[in-house]
Amino acid sequence: MPDEYRIEDVLAGEISPGVEGWLVITVRPANVRYQHAIPQVAFEWRAAEYGLTDPAEILDVLLHEPYQETAPPVLPQSVKAPPTKAVAAAKAQDRHGPTLQEATSTAEARDANRSRIAAIKTERVHVTDPDGLLPHIYNNHRMDPDRVRAKREAVDIHRWNRLYGGLPVPVTNLEAPRA
């Protein structure tokens, strides 16, 4: 049975110097209060990383992902063990599928992330909103499609570099030179 973390309040505005967003105040078991900071830009990053379009789903991801199980860190390869065994062992540990960086597509990363979030909600922590405060956040997220597209390109380039060791063609600045 997961622990229930009840949302008690949502504060909107500058959450740190120069960073707009929300502070979500939750009450954990034993009446422990917790403050979760969500910058506005986090919506654009999750949309870019996983191809999500529904602000309510993005907010659900942002509220639950801090409670996911973490695998042991991936260390540099040992000179004693063949790389295929080390890589296979690391990938076998995650029952949900590849991480954002290991996935070969956004769809594969999205499916694995949705599986992780569902497991968090059923096995570890379920964030609830008894007073209906979350619509204020996902109705005021201010995601910009152009910024999401730029972030998606950055995610894709990073993923490609991690998986294949470099881009097939060099990245160039396509902007016209200014006089």
N, C-alpha and C. Protein backbone atom coordinates (compact mmCIF):
# COMPACT_ATOMS: atom_id res chain seq x y z
N MET A 1 0.85 -1.18 0.00
CA MET A 1 0.00 0.00 0.00
C MET A 1 0.89 1.24 0.00
N PRO A 2 0.66 2.14 -0.93
CA PRO A 2 1.51 3.34 -0.99
C PRO A 2 1.17 4.33 0.12
N ASP A 3 2.17 5.13 0.49
CA ASP A 3 1.92 6.24 1.42
C ASP A 3 1.14 7.31 0.67
N GLU A 4 0.21 7.96 1.36
CA GLU A 4 -0.54 9.05 0.75
C GLU A 4 0.09 10.37 1.17
N TYR A 5 0.43 11.18 0.17
CA TYR A 5 0.94 12.52 0.40
C TYR A 5 -0.15 13.48 -0.07
N ARG A 6 -0.83 14.13 0.87
CA ARG A 6 -1.95 15.03 0.56
C ARG A 6 -1.44 16.44 0.27
N ILE A 7 -1.91 17.00 -0.82
CA ILE A 7 -1.57 18.39 -1.13
C ILE A 7 -2.38 19.28 -0.21
N GLU A 8 -1.67 20.14 0.50
CA GLU A 8 -2.29 21.06 1.45
C GLU A 8 -2.42 22.47 0.88
N ASP A 9 -1.44 22.87 0.07
CA ASP A 9 -1.46 24.22 -0.48
C ASP A 9 -0.56 24.29 -1.71
N VAL A 10 -0.81 25.27 -2.55
CA VAL A 10 0.03 25.54 -3.71
C VAL A 10 0.33 27.04 -3.69
N LEU A 11 1.61 27.36 -3.75
CA LEU A 11 2.04 28.75 -3.79
C LEU A 11 2.60 29.03 -5.18
N ALA A 12 2.17 30.11 -5.81
CA ALA A 12 2.60 30.43 -7.17
C ALA A 12 3.43 31.71 -7.15
N GLY A 13 4.46 31.73 -8.00
CA GLY A 13 5.28 32.94 -8.10
C GLY A 13 6.74 32.59 -8.24
N GLU A 14 7.59 33.47 -7.73
CA GLU A 14 9.03 33.28 -7.82
C GLU A 14 9.46 32.30 -6.73
N ILE A 15 9.90 31.09 -7.15
CA ILE A 15 10.25 30.05 -6.17
C ILE A 15 11.72 30.11 -5.77
N SER A 16 12.52 30.79 -6.55
CA SER A 16 13.90 31.12 -6.20
C SER A 16 14.25 32.33 -7.06
N PRO A 17 15.35 33.01 -6.78
CA PRO A 17 15.63 34.23 -7.54
C PRO A 17 15.62 34.01 -9.06
N GLY A 18 14.70 34.68 -9.73
CA GLY A 18 14.59 34.61 -11.18
C GLY A 18 13.91 33.37 -11.73
N VAL A 19 13.37 32.52 -10.87
CA VAL A 19 12.72 31.28 -11.32
C VAL A 19 11.25 31.30 -10.91
N GLU A 20 10.38 31.33 -11.91
CA GLU A 20 8.95 31.30 -11.67
C GLU A 20 8.47 29.85 -11.59
N GLY A 21 7.46 29.62 -10.78
CA GLY A 21 6.91 28.28 -10.68
C GLY A 21 5.97 28.16 -9.50
N TRP A 22 5.93 26.96 -8.92
CA TRP A 22 5.01 26.67 -7.84
C TRP A 22 5.71 25.90 -6.73
N LEU A 23 5.26 26.15 -5.52
CA LEU A 23 5.65 25.34 -4.38
C LEU A 23 4.41 24.55 -3.99
N VAL A 24 4.52 23.24 -4.05
CA VAL A 24 3.41 22.37 -3.69
C VAL A 24 3.70 21.85 -2.29
N ILE A 25 2.83 22.20 -1.34
CA ILE A 25 3.01 21.79 0.05
C ILE A 25 2.17 20.54 0.27
N THR A 26 2.84 19.45 0.68
CA THR A 26 2.13 18.20 0.95
C THR A 26 2.29 17.84 2.42
N VAL A 27 1.34 17.05 2.88
CA VAL A 27 1.41 16.50 4.23
C VAL A 27 1.61 15.00 4.07
N ARG A 28 2.72 14.54 4.63
CA ARG A 28 3.07 13.12 4.57
C ARG A 28 2.55 12.42 5.82
N PRO A 29 2.66 11.08 5.87
CA PRO A 29 2.25 10.38 7.09
C PRO A 29 2.95 10.97 8.32
N ALA A 30 2.32 10.87 9.46
CA ALA A 30 2.79 11.43 10.73
C ALA A 30 2.80 12.96 10.69
N ASN A 31 1.97 13.54 9.82
CA ASN A 31 1.82 14.99 9.69
C ASN A 31 3.12 15.73 9.40
N VAL A 32 3.99 15.12 8.61
CA VAL A 32 5.22 15.76 8.19
C VAL A 32 4.91 16.59 6.94
N ARG A 33 5.21 17.88 7.00
CA ARG A 33 4.97 18.76 5.85
C ARG A 33 6.20 18.75 4.95
N TYR A 34 5.95 18.81 3.64
CA TYR A 34 7.02 18.77 2.66
C TYR A 34 6.72 19.80 1.58
N GLN A 35 7.74 20.47 1.10
CA GLN A 35 7.59 21.48 0.06
C GLN A 35 8.27 21.00 -1.21
N HIS A 36 7.53 20.90 -2.29
CA HIS A 36 8.04 20.44 -3.58
C HIS A 36 8.03 21.63 -4.54
N ALA A 37 9.22 22.05 -4.99
CA ALA A 37 9.33 23.17 -5.92
C ALA A 37 9.25 22.66 -7.36
N ILE A 38 8.39 23.30 -8.15
CA ILE A 38 8.23 22.93 -9.56
C ILE A 38 8.41 24.19 -10.40
N PRO A 39 9.56 24.33 -11.05
CA PRO A 39 9.74 25.49 -11.94
C PRO A 39 8.85 25.36 -13.18
N GLN A 40 8.42 26.49 -13.73
CA GLN A 40 7.59 26.45 -14.93
C GLN A 40 8.28 25.72 -16.07
N VAL A 41 9.59 25.89 -16.19
CA VAL A 41 10.33 25.28 -17.29
C VAL A 41 10.29 23.75 -17.22
N ALA A 42 10.02 23.18 -16.06
CA ALA A 42 9.95 21.73 -15.92
C ALA A 42 8.85 21.14 -16.82
N PHE A 43 7.75 21.88 -17.01
CA PHE A 43 6.70 21.40 -17.90
C PHE A 43 7.24 21.22 -19.32
N GLU A 44 7.99 22.22 -19.79
CA GLU A 44 8.53 22.14 -21.15
C GLU A 44 9.53 21.01 -21.27
N TRP A 45 10.35 20.81 -20.24
CA TRP A 45 11.34 19.73 -20.31
C TRP A 45 10.67 18.36 -20.36
N ARG A 46 9.65 18.11 -19.53
CA ARG A 46 8.98 16.81 -19.58
C ARG A 46 8.24 16.62 -20.90
N ALA A 47 7.65 17.69 -21.42
CA ALA A 47 7.00 17.59 -22.73
C ALA A 47 8.02 17.22 -23.79
N ALA A 48 9.20 17.83 -23.73
CA ALA A 48 10.25 17.56 -24.72
C ALA A 48 10.85 16.17 -24.53
N GLU A 49 11.08 15.78 -23.30
CA GLU A 49 11.74 14.50 -23.03
C GLU A 49 10.88 13.30 -23.39
N TYR A 50 9.59 13.38 -23.06
CA TYR A 50 8.72 12.21 -23.22
C TYR A 50 7.62 12.40 -24.25
N GLY A 51 7.58 13.52 -24.93
CA GLY A 51 6.55 13.75 -25.94
C GLY A 51 5.16 13.87 -25.32
N LEU A 52 5.09 14.37 -24.09
CA LEU A 52 3.81 14.53 -23.42
C LEU A 52 3.16 15.84 -23.85
N THR A 53 1.83 15.84 -23.95
CA THR A 53 1.12 17.05 -24.36
C THR A 53 0.08 17.49 -23.34
N ASP A 54 -0.33 16.59 -22.45
CA ASP A 54 -1.36 16.90 -21.46
C ASP A 54 -0.72 17.49 -20.21
N PRO A 55 -0.99 18.77 -19.90
CA PRO A 55 -0.38 19.39 -18.72
C PRO A 55 -0.70 18.65 -17.41
N ALA A 56 -1.88 18.06 -17.32
CA ALA A 56 -2.23 17.31 -16.10
C ALA A 56 -1.33 16.09 -15.94
N GLU A 57 -1.04 15.40 -17.04
CA GLU A 57 -0.14 14.24 -16.98
C GLU A 57 1.28 14.68 -16.66
N ILE A 58 1.71 15.79 -17.25
CA ILE A 58 3.05 16.29 -16.97
C ILE A 58 3.18 16.62 -15.48
N LEU A 59 2.17 17.27 -14.92
CA LEU A 59 2.21 17.61 -13.49
C LEU A 59 2.22 16.35 -12.64
N ASP A 60 1.47 15.34 -13.02
CA ASP A 60 1.47 14.08 -12.30
C ASP A 60 2.86 13.45 -12.29
N VAL A 61 3.54 13.50 -13.44
CA VAL A 61 4.92 13.00 -13.53
C VAL A 61 5.82 13.80 -12.60
N LEU A 62 5.72 15.12 -12.66
CA LEU A 62 6.58 15.97 -11.83
C LEU A 62 6.37 15.74 -10.34
N LEU A 63 5.15 15.45 -9.95
CA LEU A 63 4.86 15.23 -8.53
C LEU A 63 5.32 13.85 -8.04
N HIS A 64 5.36 12.86 -8.93
CA HIS A 64 5.69 11.50 -8.50
C HIS A 64 7.11 11.05 -8.80
N GLU A 65 7.77 11.64 -9.79
CA GLU A 65 9.09 11.14 -10.17
C GLU A 65 10.15 11.26 -9.07
N PRO A 66 10.06 12.19 -8.12
CA PRO A 66 11.08 12.20 -7.07
C PRO A 66 11.07 10.94 -6.19
N TYR A 67 10.01 10.16 -6.25
CA TYR A 67 9.88 9.00 -5.38
C TYR A 67 10.20 7.68 -6.08
N GLN A 68 10.77 7.76 -7.28
CA GLN A 68 11.09 6.52 -7.98
C GLN A 68 12.32 5.86 -7.37
N GLU A 69 12.36 4.56 -7.55
CA GLU A 69 13.53 3.80 -7.11
C GLU A 69 14.71 4.23 -7.97
N THR A 70 15.85 4.29 -7.35
CA THR A 70 17.03 4.64 -8.13
C THR A 70 17.94 3.43 -8.19
N ALA A 71 18.43 3.18 -9.38
CA ALA A 71 19.36 2.07 -9.58
C ALA A 71 20.74 2.50 -9.11
N PRO A 72 21.59 1.54 -8.84
CA PRO A 72 22.96 1.90 -8.50
C PRO A 72 23.57 2.70 -9.65
N PRO A 73 24.49 3.61 -9.34
CA PRO A 73 25.07 4.40 -10.42
C PRO A 73 25.82 3.53 -11.41
N VAL A 74 25.77 3.93 -12.67
CA VAL A 74 26.49 3.20 -13.70
C VAL A 74 27.93 3.68 -13.66
N LEU A 75 28.80 2.79 -13.29
CA LEU A 75 30.22 3.12 -13.16
C LEU A 75 30.94 2.87 -14.47
N PRO A 76 32.12 3.44 -14.63
CA PRO A 76 32.89 3.14 -15.84
C PRO A 76 33.12 1.63 -15.95
N GLN A 77 33.29 1.16 -17.18
CA GLN A 77 33.45 -0.27 -17.40
C GLN A 77 34.72 -0.79 -16.75
N SER A 78 34.62 -1.97 -16.21
CA SER A 78 35.77 -2.64 -15.61
C SER A 78 36.63 -3.25 -16.71
N VAL A 79 37.91 -3.24 -16.51
CA VAL A 79 38.79 -3.88 -17.49
C VAL A 79 38.75 -5.40 -17.33
N LYS A 80 38.17 -5.88 -16.22
CA LYS A 80 38.08 -7.32 -15.97
C LYS A 80 36.87 -7.96 -16.65
N ALA A 81 35.77 -7.19 -16.79
CA ALA A 81 34.53 -7.76 -17.32
C ALA A 81 34.27 -7.25 -18.72
N PRO A 82 33.79 -8.13 -19.60
CA PRO A 82 33.43 -7.68 -20.95
C PRO A 82 32.30 -6.64 -20.87
N PRO A 83 32.31 -5.63 -21.71
CA PRO A 83 31.29 -4.58 -21.64
C PRO A 83 29.87 -5.09 -21.80
N THR A 84 29.66 -6.13 -22.60
CA THR A 84 28.30 -6.61 -22.82
C THR A 84 27.67 -7.12 -21.53
N LYS A 85 28.43 -7.75 -20.66
CA LYS A 85 27.88 -8.25 -19.39
C LYS A 85 27.52 -7.09 -18.47
N ALA A 86 28.36 -6.09 -18.39
CA ALA A 86 28.10 -4.94 -17.53
C ALA A 86 26.88 -4.18 -18.01
N VAL A 87 26.77 -3.95 -19.31
CA VAL A 87 25.63 -3.23 -19.87
C VAL A 87 24.36 -4.03 -19.69
N ALA A 88 24.41 -5.32 -19.96
CA ALA A 88 23.23 -6.17 -19.82
C ALA A 88 22.75 -6.21 -18.37
N ALA A 89 23.68 -6.28 -17.42
CA ALA A 89 23.31 -6.31 -16.00
C ALA A 89 22.64 -5.00 -15.58
N ALA A 90 23.17 -3.88 -16.04
CA ALA A 90 22.59 -2.58 -15.69
C ALA A 90 21.19 -2.44 -16.27
N LYS A 91 20.98 -2.87 -17.51
CA LYS A 91 19.67 -2.75 -18.13
C LYS A 91 18.66 -3.73 -17.53
N ALA A 92 19.12 -4.88 -17.07
CA ALA A 92 18.21 -5.88 -16.52
C ALA A 92 17.62 -5.43 -15.19
N GLN A 93 18.25 -4.48 -14.52
CA GLN A 93 17.77 -4.03 -13.23
C GLN A 93 16.48 -3.24 -13.32
N ASP A 94 16.19 -2.59 -14.42
CA ASP A 94 15.01 -1.75 -14.52
C ASP A 94 13.88 -2.52 -15.20
N ARG A 95 12.90 -2.92 -14.41
CA ARG A 95 11.80 -3.73 -14.93
C ARG A 95 10.83 -2.94 -15.79
N HIS A 96 10.95 -1.62 -15.81
CA HIS A 96 10.00 -0.79 -16.55
C HIS A 96 10.46 -0.50 -17.97
N GLY A 97 11.71 -0.68 -18.25
CA GLY A 97 12.21 -0.39 -19.58
C GLY A 97 13.35 0.61 -19.52
N PRO A 98 13.74 1.09 -20.67
CA PRO A 98 14.91 1.96 -20.72
C PRO A 98 14.65 3.34 -20.12
N THR A 99 15.70 3.94 -19.63
CA THR A 99 15.61 5.31 -19.13
C THR A 99 15.53 6.26 -20.32
N LEU A 100 15.32 7.51 -20.04
CA LEU A 100 15.26 8.52 -21.09
C LEU A 100 16.51 8.48 -21.96
N GLN A 101 17.67 8.31 -21.34
CA GLN A 101 18.93 8.34 -22.07
C GLN A 101 19.23 7.03 -22.80
N GLU A 102 18.66 5.93 -22.34
CA GLU A 102 18.93 4.63 -22.97
C GLU A 102 17.94 4.31 -24.08
N ALA A 103 16.77 4.94 -24.07
CA ALA A 103 15.73 4.63 -25.04
C ALA A 103 16.17 5.02 -26.44
N THR A 104 15.74 4.25 -27.41
CA THR A 104 16.07 4.57 -28.80
C THR A 104 15.03 5.48 -29.45
N SER A 105 13.93 5.74 -28.74
CA SER A 105 12.90 6.65 -29.26
C SER A 105 12.19 7.33 -28.10
N THR A 106 11.54 8.42 -28.41
CA THR A 106 10.75 9.13 -27.40
C THR A 106 9.60 8.25 -26.93
N ALA A 107 8.98 7.52 -27.84
CA ALA A 107 7.86 6.64 -27.47
C ALA A 107 8.30 5.57 -26.48
N GLU A 108 9.47 4.99 -26.71
CA GLU A 108 10.00 3.97 -25.80
C GLU A 108 10.28 4.58 -24.42
N ALA A 109 10.85 5.77 -24.39
CA ALA A 109 11.12 6.45 -23.12
C ALA A 109 9.82 6.80 -22.41
N ARG A 110 8.83 7.28 -23.16
CA ARG A 110 7.54 7.65 -22.58
C ARG A 110 6.84 6.44 -21.96
N ASP A 111 6.82 5.32 -22.68
CA ASP A 111 6.17 4.11 -22.15
C ASP A 111 6.83 3.64 -20.87
N ALA A 112 8.16 3.65 -20.84
CA ALA A 112 8.87 3.22 -19.64
C ALA A 112 8.63 4.18 -18.48
N ASN A 113 8.60 5.48 -18.78
CA ASN A 113 8.37 6.46 -17.72
C ASN A 113 6.95 6.34 -17.17
N ARG A 114 5.98 6.13 -18.04
CA ARG A 114 4.60 5.94 -17.57
C ARG A 114 4.51 4.71 -16.67
N SER A 115 5.23 3.66 -17.02
CA SER A 115 5.26 2.46 -16.19
C SER A 115 5.87 2.74 -14.82
N ARG A 116 6.96 3.52 -14.81
CA ARG A 116 7.59 3.88 -13.53
C ARG A 116 6.65 4.70 -12.65
N ILE A 117 5.99 5.68 -13.24
CA ILE A 117 5.08 6.54 -12.48
C ILE A 117 3.91 5.71 -11.93
N ALA A 118 3.35 4.81 -12.73
CA ALA A 118 2.26 3.96 -12.26
C ALA A 118 2.72 3.09 -11.09
N ALA A 119 3.94 2.57 -11.17
CA ALA A 119 4.47 1.74 -10.08
C ALA A 119 4.67 2.57 -8.82
N ILE A 120 5.16 3.78 -8.95
CA ILE A 120 5.34 4.65 -7.79
C ILE A 120 4.00 4.86 -7.10
N LYS A 121 2.96 5.12 -7.88
CA LYS A 121 1.65 5.42 -7.31
C LYS A 121 1.00 4.21 -6.66
N THR A 122 1.33 3.00 -7.09
CA THR A 122 0.72 1.81 -6.50
C THR A 122 1.59 1.17 -5.43
N GLU A 123 2.92 1.43 -5.46
CA GLU A 123 3.82 0.74 -4.54
C GLU A 123 4.45 1.63 -3.48
N ARG A 124 4.64 2.91 -3.77
CA ARG A 124 5.43 3.73 -2.86
C ARG A 124 4.68 4.94 -2.33
N VAL A 125 4.33 5.88 -3.22
CA VAL A 125 3.74 7.15 -2.83
C VAL A 125 2.65 7.53 -3.82
N HIS A 126 1.53 7.98 -3.29
CA HIS A 126 0.48 8.51 -4.15
C HIS A 126 0.16 9.92 -3.65
N VAL A 127 0.41 10.91 -4.51
CA VAL A 127 0.13 12.29 -4.17
C VAL A 127 -1.33 12.56 -4.50
N THR A 128 -2.09 13.02 -3.51
CA THR A 128 -3.51 13.28 -3.71
C THR A 128 -3.79 14.77 -3.57
N ASP A 129 -4.89 15.19 -4.15
CA ASP A 129 -5.28 16.60 -4.16
C ASP A 129 -6.73 16.73 -3.69
N PRO A 130 -6.98 16.55 -2.37
CA PRO A 130 -8.36 16.54 -1.90
C PRO A 130 -9.09 17.87 -2.08
N ASP A 131 -8.37 18.98 -2.11
CA ASP A 131 -9.02 20.29 -2.24
C ASP A 131 -9.04 20.82 -3.67
N GLY A 132 -8.54 20.03 -4.64
CA GLY A 132 -8.58 20.43 -6.04
C GLY A 132 -7.71 21.64 -6.36
N LEU A 133 -6.49 21.66 -5.83
CA LEU A 133 -5.59 22.79 -6.06
C LEU A 133 -4.74 22.67 -7.32
N LEU A 134 -4.55 21.45 -7.82
CA LEU A 134 -3.65 21.25 -8.96
C LEU A 134 -4.11 21.89 -10.27
N PRO A 135 -5.40 22.01 -10.55
CA PRO A 135 -5.78 22.67 -11.81
C PRO A 135 -5.19 24.07 -11.95
N HIS A 136 -4.96 24.76 -10.84
CA HIS A 136 -4.33 26.08 -10.93
C HIS A 136 -2.96 25.97 -11.62
N ILE A 137 -2.23 24.90 -11.32
CA ILE A 137 -0.91 24.74 -11.92
C ILE A 137 -1.02 24.37 -13.38
N TYR A 138 -1.74 23.30 -13.69
CA TYR A 138 -1.72 22.85 -15.09
C TYR A 138 -2.55 23.73 -16.01
N ASN A 139 -3.35 24.62 -15.47
CA ASN A 139 -4.04 25.60 -16.32
C ASN A 139 -3.19 26.85 -16.54
N ASN A 140 -2.10 27.00 -15.81
CA ASN A 140 -1.25 28.19 -15.90
C ASN A 140 0.21 27.84 -16.17
N HIS A 141 0.46 26.76 -16.88
CA HIS A 141 1.83 26.27 -17.08
C HIS A 141 2.64 27.12 -18.04
N ARG A 142 2.01 27.79 -18.99
CA ARG A 142 2.67 28.68 -19.96
C ARG A 142 3.77 28.00 -20.78
N MET A 143 3.51 26.78 -21.24
CA MET A 143 4.47 26.11 -22.12
C MET A 143 4.44 26.80 -23.48
N ASP A 144 5.60 27.01 -24.04
CA ASP A 144 5.72 27.62 -25.36
C ASP A 144 6.15 26.54 -26.36
N PRO A 145 5.40 26.34 -27.45
CA PRO A 145 5.73 25.28 -28.41
C PRO A 145 7.13 25.42 -29.00
N ASP A 146 7.58 26.63 -29.23
CA ASP A 146 8.92 26.81 -29.80
C ASP A 146 10.01 26.41 -28.80
N ARG A 147 9.81 26.74 -27.54
CA ARG A 147 10.79 26.33 -26.51
C ARG A 147 10.76 24.82 -26.32
N VAL A 148 9.57 24.21 -26.37
CA VAL A 148 9.48 22.74 -26.26
C VAL A 148 10.21 22.09 -27.43
N ARG A 149 10.03 22.61 -28.64
CA ARG A 149 10.69 22.06 -29.82
C ARG A 149 12.22 22.16 -29.67
N ALA A 150 12.72 23.29 -29.19
CA ALA A 150 14.17 23.45 -29.01
C ALA A 150 14.69 22.47 -27.96
N LYS A 151 13.94 22.28 -26.90
CA LYS A 151 14.35 21.33 -25.85
C LYS A 151 14.30 19.89 -26.39
N ARG A 152 13.29 19.58 -27.21
CA ARG A 152 13.19 18.25 -27.80
C ARG A 152 14.40 17.96 -28.68
N GLU A 153 14.82 18.94 -29.44
CA GLU A 153 16.02 18.76 -30.28
C GLU A 153 17.25 18.52 -29.41
N ALA A 154 17.37 19.25 -28.32
CA ALA A 154 18.51 19.06 -27.41
C ALA A 154 18.49 17.66 -26.80
N VAL A 155 17.31 17.19 -26.39
CA VAL A 155 17.17 15.84 -25.83
C VAL A 155 17.54 14.80 -26.88
N ASP A 156 17.04 14.96 -28.09
CA ASP A 156 17.33 13.99 -29.16
C ASP A 156 18.82 13.94 -29.49
N ILE A 157 19.46 15.10 -29.55
CA ILE A 157 20.90 15.13 -29.84
C ILE A 157 21.67 14.47 -28.72
N HIS A 158 21.31 14.76 -27.48
CA HIS A 158 22.00 14.15 -26.34
C HIS A 158 21.82 12.63 -26.34
N ARG A 159 20.59 12.18 -26.58
CA ARG A 159 20.31 10.74 -26.60
C ARG A 159 21.11 10.07 -27.71
N TRP A 160 21.11 10.67 -28.90
CA TRP A 160 21.84 10.09 -30.03
C TRP A 160 23.33 9.99 -29.70
N ASN A 161 23.89 11.05 -29.13
CA ASN A 161 25.31 11.03 -28.77
C ASN A 161 25.62 9.94 -27.75
N ARG A 162 24.74 9.75 -26.77
CA ARG A 162 24.98 8.70 -25.77
C ARG A 162 24.87 7.31 -26.39
N LEU A 163 23.92 7.12 -27.27
CA LEU A 163 23.71 5.80 -27.85
C LEU A 163 24.71 5.46 -28.95
N TYR A 164 25.07 6.43 -29.76
CA TYR A 164 25.85 6.13 -30.96
C TYR A 164 27.20 6.84 -31.02
N GLY A 165 27.49 7.67 -30.04
CA GLY A 165 28.81 8.28 -29.98
C GLY A 165 29.04 9.48 -30.86
N GLY A 166 28.04 10.05 -31.44
CA GLY A 166 28.20 11.24 -32.26
C GLY A 166 27.12 11.32 -33.31
N LEU A 167 26.94 12.51 -33.82
CA LEU A 167 25.92 12.72 -34.84
C LEU A 167 26.45 12.35 -36.22
N PRO A 168 25.57 11.90 -37.12
CA PRO A 168 26.04 11.53 -38.45
C PRO A 168 26.50 12.74 -39.26
N VAL A 169 25.97 13.92 -38.93
CA VAL A 169 26.41 15.15 -39.58
C VAL A 169 26.65 16.19 -38.49
N PRO A 170 27.54 17.13 -38.71
CA PRO A 170 27.79 18.13 -37.67
C PRO A 170 26.59 19.06 -37.49
N VAL A 171 26.38 19.48 -36.25
CA VAL A 171 25.33 20.45 -35.96
C VAL A 171 25.85 21.82 -36.38
N THR A 172 25.05 22.54 -37.15
CA THR A 172 25.46 23.87 -37.58
C THR A 172 24.44 24.88 -37.12
N ASN A 173 24.87 26.11 -37.04
CA ASN A 173 23.96 27.19 -36.71
C ASN A 173 23.28 27.60 -38.00
N LEU A 174 21.99 27.38 -38.10
CA LEU A 174 21.27 27.67 -39.32
C LEU A 174 20.77 29.10 -39.39
N GLU A 175 21.06 29.87 -38.36
CA GLU A 175 20.61 31.25 -38.35
C GLU A 175 21.46 32.07 -39.33
N ALA A 176 20.81 32.97 -40.06
CA ALA A 176 21.53 33.81 -41.02
C ALA A 176 22.44 34.76 -40.27
N PRO A 177 23.65 35.00 -40.79
CA PRO A 177 24.55 35.94 -40.11
C PRO A 177 23.97 37.35 -40.11
N ARG A 178 24.26 38.07 -39.07
CA ARG A 178 23.76 39.44 -38.94
C ARG A 178 24.80 40.43 -39.43
N ALA A 179 24.33 41.50 -40.03
CA ALA A 179 25.25 42.51 -40.55
C ALA A 179 25.74 43.42 -39.46
